[in-house]
Amino acid sequence: MGGLCPDVNEEISPFHSLRYASKAFKGALIEYCRRKSKEFRTMIRILFVCLGNICRSPMAEFIMKDMVRKKGTADKFYIASAGTSDEEIWNGIGNPVYPPAREELTRHGITDVSGKRATQLTRSDYKKYDLIIGMEQRNVHNMLRILGGDPEGKVKRLLDYSKKPRDISDPWYTHRFESAYNDILEGCEALYDHLNP
């Protein structure tokens, strides 16, 4: 099934086998997948990246998703997040958003993060995304190593889009989730303005 509809697997995962499906159903499903794949290719595809994909990058993912939804432009974006490390992934299953990060999002009205699990950045992500955005310079260094370089200029830090380019400190170590939220919001607003002048 993955080869049939690679960009929308999560939307058709209930259909594990087409062996017994009717020709009409198969045809309709193939057409649906082609349409969704075309829509995916015309969206602005953003991947936010931090170390473990349980604090900053999922915060950025859900802040940006909330922002584009409120601005009425959600259909123009595909937004996801990943980590450079696999330390938050056990036996192929990623950890959920770190509770203090989830609580900080909830304080700002962003409540639906329950399905998010940590994933690791892969070299193939370079082709899938238009922008691959790290939270700090150390992330960018590791991203370039994993991606094998950045020939198309897709890789930046989030706050490079702001008036005060800088790293976003890791709240896993600082315990300053409100500060991280504010920095990420500043970066997402600047990124949105950059993409929608």
C-alpha atoms as a PDB file:
ATOM      1  CA  MET A   1       0.000   0.000   0.000  1.00  0.00           C
ATOM      2  CA  GLY A   2       2.882   2.368   0.770  1.00  0.00           C
ATOM      3  CA  GLY A   3       3.980   2.395  -2.879  1.00  0.00           C
ATOM      4  CA  LEU A   4       0.464   3.205  -4.014  1.00  0.00           C
ATOM      5  CA  CYS A   5      -0.039   6.287  -1.882  1.00  0.00           C
ATOM      6  CA  PRO A   6       3.229   7.217  -0.153  1.00  0.00           C
ATOM      7  CA  ASP A   7       2.345  10.707   1.071  1.00  0.00           C
ATOM      8  CA  VAL A   8      -0.963   9.887   2.715  1.00  0.00           C
ATOM      9  CA  ASN A   9      -0.338   6.536   4.410  1.00  0.00           C
ATOM     10  CA  GLU A  10      -1.773   7.785   7.675  1.00  0.00           C
ATOM     11  CA  GLU A  11      -5.075   8.577   5.981  1.00  0.00           C
ATOM     12  CA  ILE A  12      -5.545   5.137   4.390  1.00  0.00           C
ATOM     13  CA  SER A  13      -3.907   2.882   6.957  1.00  0.00           C
ATOM     14  CA  PRO A  14      -7.217   1.070   7.696  1.00  0.00           C
ATOM     15  CA  PHE A  15      -7.014  -0.456   4.195  1.00  0.00           C
ATOM     16  CA  HIS A  16      -4.280  -3.020   4.840  1.00  0.00           C
ATOM     17  CA  SER A  17      -5.241  -5.300   1.961  1.00  0.00           C
ATOM     18  CA  LEU A  18      -6.888  -4.550  -1.351  1.00  0.00           C
ATOM     19  CA  ARG A  19      -7.055  -8.208  -2.390  1.00  0.00           C
ATOM     20  CA  TYR A  20     -10.820  -8.463  -1.902  1.00  0.00           C
ATOM     21  CA  ALA A  21     -11.757  -4.903  -2.826  1.00  0.00           C
ATOM     22  CA  SER A  22     -13.863  -4.221  -5.891  1.00  0.00           C
ATOM     23  CA  LYS A  23     -12.325  -2.703  -9.018  1.00  0.00           C
ATOM     24  CA  ALA A  24     -14.434   0.418  -8.500  1.00  0.00           C
ATOM     25  CA  PHE A  25     -13.176   0.801  -4.940  1.00  0.00           C
ATOM     26  CA  LYS A  26      -9.567   0.258  -6.005  1.00  0.00           C
ATOM     27  CA  GLY A  27      -9.949   2.814  -8.779  1.00  0.00           C
ATOM     28  CA  ALA A  28     -11.525   5.350  -6.439  1.00  0.00           C
ATOM     29  CA  LEU A  29      -8.792   4.787  -3.858  1.00  0.00           C
ATOM     30  CA  ILE A  30      -6.037   5.191  -6.448  1.00  0.00           C
ATOM     31  CA  GLU A  31      -7.618   8.423  -7.697  1.00  0.00           C
ATOM     32  CA  TYR A  32      -7.954   9.699  -4.125  1.00  0.00           C
ATOM     33  CA  CYS A  33      -4.282   8.940  -3.488  1.00  0.00           C
ATOM     34  CA  ARG A  34      -3.192  10.710  -6.673  1.00  0.00           C
ATOM     35  CA  ARG A  35      -5.241  13.774  -5.730  1.00  0.00           C
ATOM     36  CA  LYS A  36      -3.884  13.819  -2.150  1.00  0.00           C
ATOM     37  CA  SER A  37      -0.333  13.330  -3.410  1.00  0.00           C
ATOM     38  CA  LYS A  38      -0.742  16.287  -5.809  1.00  0.00           C
ATOM     39  CA  GLU A  39      -2.166  18.431  -2.990  1.00  0.00           C
ATOM     40  CA  PHE A  40       0.797  17.443  -0.794  1.00  0.00           C
ATOM     41  CA  ARG A  41       3.276  18.490  -3.496  1.00  0.00           C
ATOM     42  CA  THR A  42       1.671  21.946  -3.878  1.00  0.00           C
ATOM     43  CA  MET A  43       1.726  22.679  -0.131  1.00  0.00           C
ATOM     44  CA  ILE A  44       4.588  24.425   1.653  1.00  0.00           C
ATOM     45  CA  ARG A  45       6.156  21.503   3.508  1.00  0.00           C
ATOM     46  CA  ILE A  46       7.904  22.405   6.772  1.00  0.00           C
ATOM     47  CA  LEU A  47       9.804  20.053   9.068  1.00  0.00           C
ATOM     48  CA  PHE A  48      10.820  21.402  12.485  1.00  0.00           C
ATOM     49  CA  VAL A  49      13.794  19.644  14.083  1.00  0.00           C
ATOM     50  CA  CYS A  50      15.365  19.502  17.554  1.00  0.00           C
ATOM     51  CA  LEU A  51      17.407  16.876  19.394  1.00  0.00           C
ATOM     52  CA  GLY A  52      14.845  14.328  20.600  1.00  0.00           C
ATOM     53  CA  ASN A  53      11.546  15.528  19.055  1.00  0.00           C
ATOM     54  CA  ILE A  54       9.713  15.675  22.378  1.00  0.00           C
ATOM     55  CA  CYS A  55      10.010  19.375  23.382  1.00  0.00           C
ATOM     56  CA  ARG A  56      10.962  22.203  21.014  1.00  0.00           C
ATOM     57  CA  SER A  57      10.252  20.758  17.577  1.00  0.00           C
ATOM     58  CA  PRO A  58       6.793  19.387  18.463  1.00  0.00           C
ATOM     59  CA  MET A  59       6.037  22.715  20.164  1.00  0.00           C
ATOM     60  CA  ALA A  60       6.997  24.443  16.901  1.00  0.00           C
ATOM     61  CA  GLU A  61       4.929  21.957  14.883  1.00  0.00           C
ATOM     62  CA  PHE A  62       1.770  22.550  16.897  1.00  0.00           C
ATOM     63  CA  ILE A  63       2.264  26.312  17.311  1.00  0.00           C
ATOM     64  CA  MET A  64       2.645  26.639  13.529  1.00  0.00           C
ATOM     65  CA  LYS A  65      -0.336  24.359  12.844  1.00  0.00           C
ATOM     66  CA  ASP A  66      -2.445  26.424  15.239  1.00  0.00           C
ATOM     67  CA  MET A  67      -1.262  29.653  13.625  1.00  0.00           C
ATOM     68  CA  VAL A  68      -2.045  28.644  10.036  1.00  0.00           C
ATOM     69  CA  ARG A  69      -5.423  27.254  11.120  1.00  0.00           C
ATOM     70  CA  LYS A  70      -6.353  30.558  12.783  1.00  0.00           C
ATOM     71  CA  LYS A  71      -5.186  32.504   9.722  1.00  0.00           C
ATOM     72  CA  GLY A  72      -7.255  30.309   7.413  1.00  0.00           C
ATOM     73  CA  THR A  73      -4.255  29.017   5.464  1.00  0.00           C
ATOM     74  CA  ALA A  74      -3.917  25.492   6.893  1.00  0.00           C
ATOM     75  CA  ASP A  75      -4.641  23.942   3.487  1.00  0.00           C
ATOM     76  CA  LYS A  76      -1.464  25.565   2.120  1.00  0.00           C
ATOM     77  CA  PHE A  77       0.875  23.919   4.624  1.00  0.00           C
ATOM     78  CA  TYR A  78       2.094  20.470   5.574  1.00  0.00           C
ATOM     79  CA  ILE A  79       3.833  20.745   8.954  1.00  0.00           C
ATOM     80  CA  ALA A  80       5.664  18.033  10.901  1.00  0.00           C
ATOM     81  CA  SER A  81       8.603  17.594  13.281  1.00  0.00           C
ATOM     82  CA  ALA A  82      11.488  15.208  13.920  1.00  0.00           C
ATOM     83  CA  GLY A  83      14.642  14.834  15.996  1.00  0.00           C
ATOM     84  CA  THR A  84      18.270  14.339  15.086  1.00  0.00           C
ATOM     85  CA  SER A  85      18.667  11.638  17.755  1.00  0.00           C
ATOM     86  CA  ASP A  86      16.920   8.315  18.234  1.00  0.00           C
ATOM     87  CA  GLU A  87      17.202   8.485  22.032  1.00  0.00           C
ATOM     88  CA  GLU A  88      13.444   9.100  22.412  1.00  0.00           C
ATOM     89  CA  ILE A  89      12.543   6.142  20.174  1.00  0.00           C
ATOM     90  CA  TRP A  90      12.330   2.668  21.754  1.00  0.00           C
ATOM     91  CA  ASN A  91      11.787  -0.489  19.696  1.00  0.00           C
ATOM     92  CA  GLY A  92      10.588   1.640  16.801  1.00  0.00           C
ATOM     93  CA  ILE A  93       8.036   3.599  18.878  1.00  0.00           C
ATOM     94  CA  GLY A  94       8.700   7.230  19.687  1.00  0.00           C
ATOM     95  CA  ASN A  95       7.937   8.825  23.018  1.00  0.00           C
ATOM     96  CA  PRO A  96       5.031  11.281  23.198  1.00  0.00           C
ATOM     97  CA  VAL A  97       5.445  15.033  23.635  1.00  0.00           C
ATOM     98  CA  TYR A  98       7.197  15.673  26.957  1.00  0.00           C
ATOM     99  CA  PRO A  99       4.526  16.520  29.570  1.00  0.00           C
ATOM    100  CA  PRO A 100       5.853  19.999  30.529  1.00  0.00           C
ATOM    101  CA  ALA A 101       5.971  20.930  26.812  1.00  0.00           C
ATOM    102  CA  ARG A 102       2.426  19.614  26.344  1.00  0.00           C
ATOM    103  CA  GLU A 103       1.289  21.568  29.424  1.00  0.00           C
ATOM    104  CA  GLU A 104       2.836  24.775  28.072  1.00  0.00           C
ATOM    105  CA  LEU A 105       1.005  24.314  24.771  1.00  0.00           C
ATOM    106  CA  THR A 106      -2.237  23.679  26.677  1.00  0.00           C
ATOM    107  CA  ARG A 107      -1.776  26.961  28.586  1.00  0.00           C
ATOM    108  CA  HIS A 108      -1.913  28.685  25.211  1.00  0.00           C
ATOM    109  CA  GLY A 109      -4.992  26.820  23.976  1.00  0.00           C
ATOM    110  CA  ILE A 110      -3.178  24.163  21.931  1.00  0.00           C
ATOM    111  CA  THR A 111      -4.562  20.916  23.289  1.00  0.00           C
ATOM    112  CA  ASP A 112      -4.551  18.234  20.582  1.00  0.00           C
ATOM    113  CA  VAL A 113      -1.033  16.800  20.577  1.00  0.00           C
ATOM    114  CA  SER A 114      -1.918  13.308  21.816  1.00  0.00           C
ATOM    115  CA  GLY A 115      -1.061  11.444  18.598  1.00  0.00           C
ATOM    116  CA  LYS A 116       2.426  12.918  18.221  1.00  0.00           C
ATOM    117  CA  ARG A 117       5.322  10.488  18.753  1.00  0.00           C
ATOM    118  CA  ALA A 118       9.032  11.189  18.376  1.00  0.00           C
ATOM    119  CA  THR A 119      10.514  10.397  14.970  1.00  0.00           C
ATOM    120  CA  GLN A 120      14.060  10.720  13.673  1.00  0.00           C
ATOM    121  CA  LEU A 121      15.185  12.873  10.770  1.00  0.00           C
ATOM    122  CA  THR A 122      16.297  10.838   7.748  1.00  0.00           C
ATOM    123  CA  ARG A 123      18.211  11.672   4.597  1.00  0.00           C
ATOM    124  CA  SER A 124      15.055  11.120   2.526  1.00  0.00           C
ATOM    125  CA  ASP A 125      13.333  13.984   4.398  1.00  0.00           C
ATOM    126  CA  TYR A 126      15.402  16.412   2.330  1.00  0.00           C
ATOM    127  CA  LYS A 127      13.347  15.602  -0.774  1.00  0.00           C
ATOM    128  CA  LYS A 128      10.029  15.617   1.098  1.00  0.00           C
ATOM    129  CA  TYR A 129      10.253  19.084   2.683  1.00  0.00           C
ATOM    130  CA  ASP A 130      10.723  22.629   1.400  1.00  0.00           C
ATOM    131  CA  LEU A 131      12.082  23.919   4.719  1.00  0.00           C
ATOM    132  CA  ILE A 132      13.895  21.943   7.415  1.00  0.00           C
ATOM    133  CA  ILE A 133      14.174  24.151  10.455  1.00  0.00           C
ATOM    134  CA  GLY A 134      16.324  23.526  13.520  1.00  0.00           C
ATOM    135  CA  MET A 135      15.980  25.096  16.936  1.00  0.00           C
ATOM    136  CA  GLU A 136      19.689  25.742  17.535  1.00  0.00           C
ATOM    137  CA  GLN A 137      23.011  25.650  15.710  1.00  0.00           C
ATOM    138  CA  ARG A 138      23.860  22.221  17.163  1.00  0.00           C
ATOM    139  CA  ASN A 139      20.662  20.872  15.567  1.00  0.00           C
ATOM    140  CA  VAL A 140      21.646  22.402  12.232  1.00  0.00           C
ATOM    141  CA  HIS A 141      25.096  20.782  12.416  1.00  0.00           C
ATOM    142  CA  ASN A 142      23.542  17.357  13.057  1.00  0.00           C
ATOM    143  CA  MET A 143      20.834  17.923  10.440  1.00  0.00           C
ATOM    144  CA  LEU A 144      23.439  18.628   7.767  1.00  0.00           C
ATOM    145  CA  ARG A 145      25.306  15.463   8.741  1.00  0.00           C
ATOM    146  CA  ILE A 146      22.142  13.342   8.498  1.00  0.00           C
ATOM    147  CA  LEU A 147      20.892  15.013   5.310  1.00  0.00           C
ATOM    148  CA  GLY A 148      24.281  14.899   3.591  1.00  0.00           C
ATOM    149  CA  GLY A 149      24.406  18.662   3.060  1.00  0.00           C
ATOM    150  CA  ASP A 150      22.015  21.395   1.983  1.00  0.00           C
ATOM    151  CA  PRO A 151      22.442  22.092  -1.757  1.00  0.00           C
ATOM    152  CA  GLU A 152      19.020  23.803  -2.040  1.00  0.00           C
ATOM    153  CA  GLY A 153      19.299  26.057   1.021  1.00  0.00           C
ATOM    154  CA  LYS A 154      16.400  24.451   2.913  1.00  0.00           C
ATOM    155  CA  VAL A 155      18.077  24.234   6.340  1.00  0.00           C
ATOM    156  CA  LYS A 156      17.950  27.135   8.822  1.00  0.00           C
ATOM    157  CA  ARG A 157      17.395  27.858  12.499  1.00  0.00           C
ATOM    158  CA  LEU A 158      13.862  28.969  13.348  1.00  0.00           C
ATOM    159  CA  LEU A 159      14.939  32.294  14.827  1.00  0.00           C
ATOM    160  CA  ASP A 160      17.038  33.066  11.739  1.00  0.00           C
ATOM    161  CA  TYR A 161      13.720  34.316  10.349  1.00  0.00           C
ATOM    162  CA  SER A 162      13.332  36.771  13.260  1.00  0.00           C
ATOM    163  CA  LYS A 163      14.848  40.199  13.806  1.00  0.00           C
ATOM    164  CA  LYS A 164      17.105  38.690  16.494  1.00  0.00           C
ATOM    165  CA  PRO A 165      18.615  35.451  15.119  1.00  0.00           C
ATOM    166  CA  ARG A 166      19.643  33.138  17.938  1.00  0.00           C
ATOM    167  CA  ASP A 167      19.357  29.619  19.337  1.00  0.00           C
ATOM    168  CA  ILE A 168      16.288  28.434  21.225  1.00  0.00           C
ATOM    169  CA  SER A 169      17.509  26.906  24.489  1.00  0.00           C
ATOM    170  CA  ASP A 170      16.485  23.323  25.197  1.00  0.00           C
ATOM    171  CA  PRO A 171      13.867  23.400  27.984  1.00  0.00           C
ATOM    172  CA  TRP A 172      14.636  19.756  28.779  1.00  0.00           C
ATOM    173  CA  TYR A 173      17.782  21.140  30.446  1.00  0.00           C
ATOM    174  CA  THR A 174      16.709  24.695  31.372  1.00  0.00           C
ATOM    175  CA  HIS A 175      13.169  23.788  32.533  1.00  0.00           C
ATOM    176  CA  ARG A 176      12.079  27.127  31.038  1.00  0.00           C
ATOM    177  CA  PHE A 177       9.182  25.947  28.876  1.00  0.00           C
ATOM    178  CA  GLU A 178       7.446  29.326  28.846  1.00  0.00           C
ATOM    179  CA  SER A 179      10.606  30.973  27.515  1.00  0.00           C
ATOM    180  CA  ALA A 180      10.942  28.247  24.869  1.00  0.00           C
ATOM    181  CA  TYR A 181       7.296  28.718  23.902  1.00  0.00           C
ATOM    182  CA  ASN A 182       7.772  32.482  23.489  1.00  0.00           C
ATOM    183  CA  ASP A 183      10.917  32.045  21.385  1.00  0.00           C
ATOM    184  CA  ILE A 184       9.232  29.429  19.196  1.00  0.00           C
ATOM    185  CA  LEU A 185       6.144  31.620  18.757  1.00  0.00           C
ATOM    186  CA  GLU A 186       8.373  34.536  17.740  1.00  0.00           C
ATOM    187  CA  GLY A 187      10.116  32.308  15.207  1.00  0.00           C
ATOM    188  CA  CYS A 188       6.880  30.862  13.801  1.00  0.00           C
ATOM    189  CA  GLU A 189       5.379  34.344  13.382  1.00  0.00           C
ATOM    190  CA  ALA A 190       8.522  35.527  11.583  1.00  0.00           C
ATOM    191  CA  LEU A 191       8.548  32.400   9.402  1.00  0.00           C
ATOM    192  CA  TYR A 192       4.882  32.859   8.501  1.00  0.00           C
ATOM    193  CA  ASP A 193       5.523  36.515   7.571  1.00  0.00           C
ATOM    194  CA  HIS A 194       8.514  35.423   5.477  1.00  0.00           C
ATOM    195  CA  LEU A 195       6.358  32.928   3.570  1.00  0.00           C
ATOM    196  CA  ASN A 196       3.401  35.325   3.229  1.00  0.00           C
ATOM    197  CA  PRO A 197       4.845  38.831   2.597  1.00  0.00           C
END
